[in-house]
PDB file of N, CA and C in Angstrom:
ATOM      1  N   MET A   1     -64.409  -1.936  32.078  1.00  0.00           N
ATOM      2  CA  MET A   1     -63.655  -1.585  33.333  1.00  0.00           C
ATOM      3  C   MET A   1     -62.441  -1.244  32.645  1.00  0.00           C
ATOM      4  N   GLU A   2     -62.072  -0.117  32.783  1.00  0.00           N
ATOM      5  CA  GLU A   2     -60.642   0.624  32.703  1.00  0.00           C
ATOM      6  C   GLU A   2     -59.351  -0.168  33.515  1.00  0.00           C
ATOM      7  N   GLY A   3     -58.472  -0.504  32.927  1.00  0.00           N
ATOM      8  CA  GLY A   3     -57.473  -1.064  33.868  1.00  0.00           C
ATOM      9  C   GLY A   3     -57.508  -2.624  34.090  1.00  0.00           C
ATOM     10  N   ALA A   4     -58.758  -3.090  33.632  1.00  0.00           N
ATOM     11  CA  ALA A   4     -58.822  -4.726  34.013  1.00  0.00           C
ATOM     12  C   ALA A   4     -58.504  -5.492  32.534  1.00  0.00           C
ATOM     13  N   ASN A   5     -57.625  -6.546  33.084  1.00  0.00           N
ATOM     14  CA  ASN A   5     -57.276  -7.494  31.975  1.00  0.00           C
ATOM     15  C   ASN A   5     -57.499  -8.658  32.053  1.00  0.00           C
ATOM     16  N   PHE A   6     -57.908  -9.508  31.037  1.00  0.00           N
ATOM     17  CA  PHE A   6     -57.970 -10.963  31.338  1.00  0.00           C
ATOM     18  C   PHE A   6     -56.581 -11.856  31.738  1.00  0.00           C
ATOM     19  N   GLN A   7     -56.789 -12.646  32.421  1.00  0.00           N
ATOM     20  CA  GLN A   7     -55.650 -13.647  32.723  1.00  0.00           C
ATOM     21  C   GLN A   7     -56.307 -15.085  32.615  1.00  0.00           C
ATOM     22  N   PRO A   8     -55.458 -15.653  31.431  1.00  0.00           N
ATOM     23  CA  PRO A   8     -55.969 -16.648  31.027  1.00  0.00           C
ATOM     24  C   PRO A   8     -55.483 -18.031  31.777  1.00  0.00           C
ATOM     25  N   ALA A   9     -54.605 -18.105  32.761  1.00  0.00           N
ATOM     26  CA  ALA A   9     -54.395 -19.014  33.712  1.00  0.00           C
ATOM     27  C   ALA A   9     -55.101 -18.998  34.940  1.00  0.00           C
ATOM     28  N   LEU A  10     -55.737 -17.589  34.937  1.00  0.00           N
ATOM     29  CA  LEU A  10     -56.345 -17.491  36.427  1.00  0.00           C
ATOM     30  C   LEU A  10     -57.862 -18.273  35.812  1.00  0.00           C
ATOM     31  N   ALA A  11     -58.409 -17.668  34.927  1.00  0.00           N
ATOM     32  CA  ALA A  11     -59.704 -18.288  34.225  1.00  0.00           C
ATOM     33  C   ALA A  11     -59.809 -19.959  34.395  1.00  0.00           C
ATOM     34  N   LEU A  12     -58.880 -20.444  33.785  1.00  0.00           N
ATOM     35  CA  LEU A  12     -58.661 -21.980  33.971  1.00  0.00           C
ATOM     36  C   LEU A  12     -58.543 -22.196  35.055  1.00  0.00           C
ATOM     37  N   ARG A  13     -58.078 -21.833  35.831  1.00  0.00           N
ATOM     38  CA  ARG A  13     -57.965 -22.532  37.496  1.00  0.00           C
ATOM     39  C   ARG A  13     -59.387 -22.334  38.183  1.00  0.00           C
ATOM     40  N   GLU A  14     -59.853 -21.208  37.887  1.00  0.00           N
ATOM     41  CA  GLU A  14     -61.388 -20.798  38.467  1.00  0.00           C
ATOM     42  C   GLU A  14     -62.237 -21.624  37.902  1.00  0.00           C
ATOM     43  N   HIS A  15     -62.345 -22.002  36.706  1.00  0.00           N
ATOM     44  CA  HIS A  15     -63.172 -23.289  35.771  1.00  0.00           C
ATOM     45  C   HIS A  15     -62.825 -24.389  36.622  1.00  0.00           C
ATOM     46  N   MET A  16     -61.706 -24.958  36.818  1.00  0.00           N
ATOM     47  CA  MET A  16     -61.413 -26.111  37.524  1.00  0.00           C
ATOM     48  C   MET A  16     -61.748 -26.089  39.106  1.00  0.00           C
ATOM     49  N   LEU A  17     -61.344 -25.003  39.591  1.00  0.00           N
ATOM     50  CA  LEU A  17     -61.777 -25.040  41.136  1.00  0.00           C
ATOM     51  C   LEU A  17     -63.687 -24.859  41.201  1.00  0.00           C
ATOM     52  N   GLY A  18     -64.047 -24.754  40.021  1.00  0.00           N
ATOM     53  CA  GLY A  18     -65.778 -24.664  40.009  1.00  0.00           C
ATOM     54  C   GLY A  18     -66.118 -26.190  39.753  1.00  0.00           C
ATOM     55  N   GLY A  19     -65.214 -27.168  39.887  1.00  0.00           N
ATOM     56  CA  GLY A  19     -65.711 -28.596  39.503  1.00  0.00           C
ATOM     57  C   GLY A  19     -65.449 -29.110  38.215  1.00  0.00           C
ATOM     58  N   GLN A  20     -65.151 -28.247  37.033  1.00  0.00           N
ATOM     59  CA  GLN A  20     -65.253 -28.569  35.684  1.00  0.00           C
ATOM     60  C   GLN A  20     -63.753 -29.239  35.426  1.00  0.00           C
ATOM     61  N   ARG A  21     -64.280 -30.380  34.382  1.00  0.00           N
ATOM     62  CA  ARG A  21     -62.827 -31.160  33.963  1.00  0.00           C
ATOM     63  C   ARG A  21     -62.500 -30.101  32.771  1.00  0.00           C
ATOM     64  N   THR A  22     -61.317 -30.408  32.407  1.00  0.00           N
ATOM     65  CA  THR A  22     -60.609 -29.562  30.886  1.00  0.00           C
ATOM     66  C   THR A  22     -59.699 -30.417  30.667  1.00  0.00           C
ATOM     67  N   SER A  23     -59.218 -30.111  29.310  1.00  0.00           N
ATOM     68  CA  SER A  23     -58.380 -30.699  28.517  1.00  0.00           C
ATOM     69  C   SER A  23     -57.634 -29.616  27.722  1.00  0.00           C
ATOM     70  N   PRO A  24     -56.348 -30.165  27.829  1.00  0.00           N
ATOM     71  CA  PRO A  24     -55.325 -29.008  27.175  1.00  0.00           C
ATOM     72  C   PRO A  24     -55.673 -28.193  25.661  1.00  0.00           C
ATOM     73  N   LEU A  25     -56.629 -28.886  25.198  1.00  0.00           N
ATOM     74  CA  LEU A  25     -57.255 -28.427  23.910  1.00  0.00           C
ATOM     75  C   LEU A  25     -58.766 -27.525  24.258  1.00  0.00           C
ATOM     76  N   GLU A  26     -59.123 -27.805  25.286  1.00  0.00           N
ATOM     77  CA  GLU A  26     -60.038 -26.443  25.834  1.00  0.00           C
ATOM     78  C   GLU A  26     -59.392 -25.430  26.520  1.00  0.00           C
ATOM     79  N   ALA A  27     -58.472 -25.863  27.198  1.00  0.00           N
ATOM     80  CA  ALA A  27     -57.493 -24.824  28.034  1.00  0.00           C
ATOM     81  C   ALA A  27     -57.160 -23.804  26.755  1.00  0.00           C
ATOM     82  N   MET A  28     -56.579 -24.059  25.862  1.00  0.00           N
ATOM     83  CA  MET A  28     -56.176 -23.487  24.623  1.00  0.00           C
ATOM     84  C   MET A  28     -57.198 -22.330  23.953  1.00  0.00           C
ATOM     85  N   LEU A  29     -58.043 -23.340  23.505  1.00  0.00           N
ATOM     86  CA  LEU A  29     -59.261 -22.759  22.744  1.00  0.00           C
ATOM     87  C   LEU A  29     -60.189 -21.987  23.365  1.00  0.00           C
ATOM     88  N   LEU A  30     -60.652 -22.315  24.600  1.00  0.00           N
ATOM     89  CA  LEU A  30     -61.725 -21.471  25.421  1.00  0.00           C
ATOM     90  C   LEU A  30     -60.915 -20.346  26.260  1.00  0.00           C
ATOM     91  N   PHE A  31     -59.451 -20.624  27.027  1.00  0.00           N
ATOM     92  CA  PHE A  31     -59.307 -19.735  27.872  1.00  0.00           C
ATOM     93  C   PHE A  31     -58.104 -18.792  27.436  1.00  0.00           C
ATOM     94  N   GLY A  32     -57.562 -19.546  26.313  1.00  0.00           N
ATOM     95  CA  GLY A  32     -56.596 -18.851  25.727  1.00  0.00           C
ATOM     96  C   GLY A  32     -54.967 -19.120  26.579  1.00  0.00           C
ATOM     97  N   VAL A  33     -54.737 -20.222  27.637  1.00  0.00           N
ATOM     98  CA  VAL A  33     -53.648 -20.606  27.779  1.00  0.00           C
ATOM     99  C   VAL A  33     -53.002 -21.193  27.089  1.00  0.00           C
ATOM    100  N   GLN A  34     -51.601 -20.577  26.670  1.00  0.00           N
ATOM    101  CA  GLN A  34     -50.600 -21.143  25.805  1.00  0.00           C
ATOM    102  C   GLN A  34     -50.015 -22.352  26.321  1.00  0.00           C
ATOM    103  N   ASN A  35     -49.560 -22.697  27.653  1.00  0.00           N
ATOM    104  CA  ASN A  35     -49.054 -23.807  28.056  1.00  0.00           C
ATOM    105  C   ASN A  35     -50.092 -24.734  29.057  1.00  0.00           C
ATOM    106  N   PRO A  36     -51.153 -25.275  28.553  1.00  0.00           N
ATOM    107  CA  PRO A  36     -51.890 -25.756  29.605  1.00  0.00           C
ATOM    108  C   PRO A  36     -51.007 -26.702  30.644  1.00  0.00           C
ATOM    109  N   ASN A  37     -50.100 -27.558  30.160  1.00  0.00           N
ATOM    110  CA  ASN A  37     -49.468 -28.800  31.232  1.00  0.00           C
ATOM    111  C   ASN A  37     -48.930 -28.026  32.135  1.00  0.00           C
ATOM    112  N   ALA A  38     -48.132 -27.022  31.802  1.00  0.00           N
ATOM    113  CA  ALA A  38     -47.432 -26.005  32.761  1.00  0.00           C
ATOM    114  C   ALA A  38     -48.372 -25.625  34.078  1.00  0.00           C
ATOM    115  N   GLU A  39     -49.944 -25.199  33.600  1.00  0.00           N
ATOM    116  CA  GLU A  39     -50.834 -24.782  34.460  1.00  0.00           C
ATOM    117  C   GLU A  39     -51.089 -25.767  35.426  1.00  0.00           C
ATOM    118  N   PHE A  40     -51.468 -27.064  34.663  1.00  0.00           N
ATOM    119  CA  PHE A  40     -51.714 -28.230  35.528  1.00  0.00           C
ATOM    120  C   PHE A  40     -50.941 -28.821  36.641  1.00  0.00           C
ATOM    121  N   THR A  41     -49.462 -28.423  36.054  1.00  0.00           N
ATOM    122  CA  THR A  41     -48.444 -28.804  36.858  1.00  0.00           C
ATOM    123  C   THR A  41     -48.094 -27.630  38.388  1.00  0.00           C
ATOM    124  N   ARG A  42     -48.555 -26.472  37.881  1.00  0.00           N
ATOM    125  CA  ARG A  42     -48.343 -25.385  38.731  1.00  0.00           C
ATOM    126  C   ARG A  42     -49.340 -25.542  40.008  1.00  0.00           C
ATOM    127  N   LEU A  43     -50.708 -26.154  39.273  1.00  0.00           N
ATOM    128  CA  LEU A  43     -51.674 -26.189  40.359  1.00  0.00           C
ATOM    129  C   LEU A  43     -51.386 -27.690  41.151  1.00  0.00           C
ATOM    130  N   LYS A  44     -50.743 -28.498  40.602  1.00  0.00           N
ATOM    131  CA  LYS A  44     -50.012 -29.671  41.563  1.00  0.00           C
ATOM    132  C   LYS A  44     -49.126 -29.284  42.695  1.00  0.00           C
ATOM    133  N   LYS A  45     -47.971 -27.868  42.216  1.00  0.00           N
ATOM    134  CA  LYS A  45     -47.125 -27.810  43.456  1.00  0.00           C
ATOM    135  C   LYS A  45     -47.779 -26.887  44.308  1.00  0.00           C
ATOM    136  N   GLU A  46     -48.866 -26.420  44.084  1.00  0.00           N
ATOM    137  CA  GLU A  46     -49.552 -25.434  44.786  1.00  0.00           C
ATOM    138  C   GLU A  46     -50.387 -26.431  45.661  1.00  0.00           C
ATOM    139  N   GLY A  47     -50.153 -27.636  45.755  1.00  0.00           N
ATOM    140  CA  GLY A  47     -51.015 -28.460  46.736  1.00  0.00           C
ATOM    141  C   GLY A  47     -52.494 -29.075  46.258  1.00  0.00           C
ATOM    142  N   PHE A  48     -52.954 -28.578  45.002  1.00  0.00           N
ATOM    143  CA  PHE A  48     -53.946 -29.123  44.493  1.00  0.00           C
ATOM    144  C   PHE A  48     -53.886 -30.477  44.262  1.00  0.00           C
ATOM    145  N   LEU A  49     -54.694 -31.482  44.439  1.00  0.00           N
ATOM    146  CA  LEU A  49     -54.803 -33.023  43.785  1.00  0.00           C
ATOM    147  C   LEU A  49     -55.698 -32.945  42.181  1.00  0.00           C
ATOM    148  N   VAL A  50     -54.659 -32.662  41.473  1.00  0.00           N
ATOM    149  CA  VAL A  50     -55.202 -32.897  39.854  1.00  0.00           C
ATOM    150  C   VAL A  50     -55.063 -34.273  39.228  1.00  0.00           C
ATOM    151  N   LYS A  51     -56.320 -34.556  39.115  1.00  0.00           N
ATOM    152  CA  LYS A  51     -56.371 -36.005  38.573  1.00  0.00           C
ATOM    153  C   LYS A  51     -56.648 -35.764  37.045  1.00  0.00           C
ATOM    154  N   SER A  52     -56.361 -36.940  36.403  1.00  0.00           N
ATOM    155  CA  SER A  52     -56.390 -37.255  35.045  1.00  0.00           C
ATOM    156  C   SER A  52     -57.194 -38.587  34.580  1.00  0.00           C
ATOM    157  N   GLN A  53     -57.557 -38.754  33.539  1.00  0.00           N
ATOM    158  CA  GLN A  53     -57.977 -39.760  32.604  1.00  0.00           C
ATOM    159  C   GLN A  53     -57.922 -39.342  31.363  1.00  0.00           C
ATOM    160  N   LYS A  54     -57.724 -40.645  30.367  1.00  0.00           N
ATOM    161  CA  LYS A  54     -58.034 -40.602  28.907  1.00  0.00           C
ATOM    162  C   LYS A  54     -59.539 -40.888  28.941  1.00  0.00           C
ATOM    163  N   VAL A  55     -59.855 -39.902  27.827  1.00  0.00           N
ATOM    164  CA  VAL A  55     -61.437 -39.932  27.164  1.00  0.00           C
ATOM    165  C   VAL A  55     -61.133 -39.797  25.458  1.00  0.00           C
ATOM    166  N   SER A  56     -62.062 -39.883  24.969  1.00  0.00           N
ATOM    167  CA  SER A  56     -62.172 -39.622  23.467  1.00  0.00           C
ATOM    168  C   SER A  56     -62.241 -38.363  23.126  1.00  0.00           C
ATOM    169  N   MET A  57     -61.489 -38.135  21.732  1.00  0.00           N
ATOM    170  CA  MET A  57     -61.524 -36.848  21.718  1.00  0.00           C
ATOM    171  C   MET A  57     -62.985 -35.870  21.349  1.00  0.00           C
ATOM    172  N   ALA A  58     -63.873 -37.044  20.689  1.00  0.00           N
ATOM    173  CA  ALA A  58     -65.115 -36.385  20.558  1.00  0.00           C
ATOM    174  C   ALA A  58     -66.042 -36.206  21.822  1.00  0.00           C
ATOM    175  N   LYS A  59     -65.721 -36.572  22.831  1.00  0.00           N
ATOM    176  CA  LYS A  59     -66.020 -36.014  24.230  1.00  0.00           C
ATOM    177  C   LYS A  59     -65.512 -34.659  24.337  1.00  0.00           C
ATOM    178  N   ILE A  60     -64.375 -34.556  24.219  1.00  0.00           N
ATOM    179  CA  ILE A  60     -63.787 -33.052  24.218  1.00  0.00           C
ATOM    180  C   ILE A  60     -64.429 -32.006  23.294  1.00  0.00           C
ATOM    181  N   ILE A  61     -64.573 -32.676  22.298  1.00  0.00           N
ATOM    182  CA  ILE A  61     -64.924 -31.637  21.069  1.00  0.00           C
ATOM    183  C   ILE A  61     -66.596 -31.442  21.499  1.00  0.00           C
ATOM    184  N   ARG A  62     -67.309 -32.078  22.002  1.00  0.00           N
ATOM    185  CA  ARG A  62     -68.614 -32.095  22.284  1.00  0.00           C
ATOM    186  C   ARG A  62     -68.763 -30.804  23.281  1.00  0.00           C
ATOM    187  N   ARG A  63     -68.006 -31.130  24.068  1.00  0.00           N
ATOM    188  CA  ARG A  63     -67.449 -30.059  25.129  1.00  0.00           C
ATOM    189  C   ARG A  63     -67.537 -28.743  24.798  1.00  0.00           C
ATOM    190  N   ILE A  64     -66.329 -28.765  23.887  1.00  0.00           N
ATOM    191  CA  ILE A  64     -65.901 -27.389  23.453  1.00  0.00           C
ATOM    192  C   ILE A  64     -67.307 -26.451  22.552  1.00  0.00           C
ATOM    193  N   ASN A  65     -67.769 -27.453  21.798  1.00  0.00           N
ATOM    194  CA  ASN A  65     -69.152 -26.929  21.306  1.00  0.00           C
ATOM    195  C   ASN A  65     -70.065 -26.430  21.859  1.00  0.00           C
ATOM    196  N   GLN A  66     -70.166 -26.556  23.267  1.00  0.00           N
ATOM    197  CA  GLN A  66     -71.330 -25.743  23.986  1.00  0.00           C
ATOM    198  C   GLN A  66     -70.899 -24.117  24.002  1.00  0.00           C
ATOM    199  N   PHE A  67     -69.646 -24.165  23.802  1.00  0.00           N
ATOM    200  CA  PHE A  67     -69.113 -22.345  23.919  1.00  0.00           C
ATOM    201  C   PHE A  67     -68.768 -21.962  22.793  1.00  0.00           C
ATOM    202  N   ALA A  68     -68.072 -22.816  21.967  1.00  0.00           N
ATOM    203  CA  ALA A  68     -67.737 -22.395  20.335  1.00  0.00           C
ATOM    204  C   ALA A  68     -67.640 -23.169  19.408  1.00  0.00           C
ATOM    205  N   LEU A  69     -67.627 -22.855  18.247  1.00  0.00           N
ATOM    206  CA  LEU A  69     -67.737 -23.828  17.073  1.00  0.00           C
ATOM    207  C   LEU A  69     -66.430 -24.515  16.947  1.00  0.00           C
ATOM    208  N   CYS A  70     -66.510 -25.923  16.999  1.00  0.00           N
ATOM    209  CA  CYS A  70     -65.226 -26.557  16.998  1.00  0.00           C
ATOM    210  C   CYS A  70     -65.507 -27.869  15.911  1.00  0.00           C
ATOM    211  N   SER A  71     -65.118 -27.847  14.570  1.00  0.00           N
ATOM    212  CA  SER A  71     -64.982 -28.970  13.928  1.00  0.00           C
ATOM    213  C   SER A  71     -63.815 -29.930  13.824  1.00  0.00           C
ATOM    214  N   THR A  72     -64.081 -31.301  13.217  1.00  0.00           N
ATOM    215  CA  THR A  72     -62.677 -31.674  12.822  1.00  0.00           C
ATOM    216  C   THR A  72     -62.987 -32.268  11.364  1.00  0.00           C
ATOM    217  N   PRO A  73     -61.488 -32.369  10.746  1.00  0.00           N
ATOM    218  CA  PRO A  73     -61.726 -32.708   9.175  1.00  0.00           C
ATOM    219  C   PRO A  73     -62.552 -34.008   9.090  1.00  0.00           C
ATOM    220  N   SER A  74     -63.081 -34.197   7.928  1.00  0.00           N
ATOM    221  CA  SER A  74     -63.977 -35.351   8.005  1.00  0.00           C
ATOM    222  C   SER A  74     -63.164 -36.740   8.071  1.00  0.00           C
ATOM    223  N   ASN A  75     -61.932 -36.481   7.591  1.00  0.00           N
ATOM    224  CA  ASN A  75     -61.219 -37.836   7.551  1.00  0.00           C
ATOM    225  C   ASN A  75     -60.097 -38.014   9.009  1.00  0.00           C
ATOM    226  N   LEU A  76     -60.636 -37.396   9.975  1.00  0.00           N
ATOM    227  CA  LEU A  76     -60.164 -37.585  11.279  1.00  0.00           C
ATOM    228  C   LEU A  76     -60.806 -38.614  12.099  1.00  0.00           C
ATOM    229  N   PRO A  77     -60.165 -39.578  12.610  1.00  0.00           N
ATOM    230  CA  PRO A  77     -61.005 -40.446  13.266  1.00  0.00           C
ATOM    231  C   PRO A  77     -61.039 -40.286  14.846  1.00  0.00           C
ATOM    232  N   PHE A  78     -61.611 -38.900  14.851  1.00  0.00           N
ATOM    233  CA  PHE A  78     -61.607 -38.141  16.555  1.00  0.00           C
ATOM    234  C   PHE A  78     -62.404 -39.185  17.462  1.00  0.00           C
ATOM    235  N   ARG A  79     -63.226 -40.059  16.929  1.00  0.00           N
ATOM    236  CA  ARG A  79     -63.781 -41.002  17.987  1.00  0.00           C
ATOM    237  C   ARG A  79     -62.481 -42.025  18.398  1.00  0.00           C
ATOM    238  N   GLU A  80     -61.777 -42.110  17.798  1.00  0.00           N
ATOM    239  CA  GLU A  80     -60.714 -43.335  18.204  1.00  0.00           C
ATOM    240  C   GLU A  80     -59.692 -42.604  18.542  1.00  0.00           C
ATOM    241  N   ILE A  81     -59.266 -41.402  18.940  1.00  0.00           N
ATOM    242  CA  ILE A  81     -58.179 -40.520  19.236  1.00  0.00           C
ATOM    243  C   ILE A  81     -58.591 -40.152  20.488  1.00  0.00           C
ATOM    244  N   ASN A  82     -57.555 -40.720  21.786  1.00  0.00           N
ATOM    245  CA  ASN A  82     -57.798 -40.459  22.982  1.00  0.00           C
ATOM    246  C   ASN A  82     -56.905 -39.295  23.541  1.00  0.00           C
ATOM    247  N   MET A  83     -57.551 -38.497  24.371  1.00  0.00           N
ATOM    248  CA  MET A  83     -56.998 -37.500  25.027  1.00  0.00           C
ATOM    249  C   MET A  83     -57.152 -37.436  26.355  1.00  0.00           C
ATOM    250  N   THR A  84     -56.262 -36.635  27.084  1.00  0.00           N
ATOM    251  CA  THR A  84     -56.459 -36.567  28.827  1.00  0.00           C
ATOM    252  C   THR A  84     -57.184 -35.264  29.207  1.00  0.00           C
ATOM    253  N   GLU A  85     -58.168 -35.450  30.006  1.00  0.00           N
ATOM    254  CA  GLU A  85     -58.615 -34.392  30.725  1.00  0.00           C
ATOM    255  C   GLU A  85     -58.284 -34.441  32.054  1.00  0.00           C
ATOM    256  N   TYR A  86     -58.357 -33.250  32.532  1.00  0.00           N
ATOM    257  CA  TYR A  86     -57.969 -33.022  34.175  1.00  0.00           C
ATOM    258  C   TYR A  86     -58.697 -32.382  35.013  1.00  0.00           C
ATOM    259  N   TRP A  87     -59.043 -32.658  36.308  1.00  0.00           N
ATOM    260  CA  TRP A  87     -59.848 -31.846  37.370  1.00  0.00           C
ATOM    261  C   TRP A  87     -59.132 -31.906  38.465  1.00  0.00           C
ATOM    262  N   ILE A  88     -59.455 -31.176  39.470  1.00  0.00           N
ATOM    263  CA  ILE A  88     -59.276 -31.191  40.576  1.00  0.00           C
ATOM    264  C   ILE A  88     -59.991 -31.919  41.716  1.00  0.00           C
ATOM    265  N   GLY A  89     -59.184 -32.902  42.202  1.00  0.00           N
ATOM    266  CA  GLY A  89     -60.019 -33.846  43.123  1.00  0.00           C
ATOM    267  C   GLY A  89     -60.293 -33.597  44.279  1.00  0.00           C
ATOM    268  N   ARG A  90     -60.631 -34.437  45.287  1.00  0.00           N
ATOM    269  CA  ARG A  90     -60.893 -33.846  46.613  1.00  0.00           C
ATOM    270  C   ARG A  90     -59.947 -34.961  47.402  1.00  0.00           C
TER     271      ARG A  90
END
């Protein structure tokens, strides 16, 4: 498609509106969003109920590996590291 261009923030928004959870790491790696937290804040300001919870990094890496190859250094305790995932609530 000539003239069509990929919009990372729009792709993230559509992913979340589709009921999917995402983390800042996923937003950067899978969608190319440079500042995911700004996008989450923008969604909140537009009236969406953006919820969050802490999950292990292992869960996020497992989700990323459904779409891309992502591995952690062997000495990184990724099961013990907590990250935040976000989703649009109802």
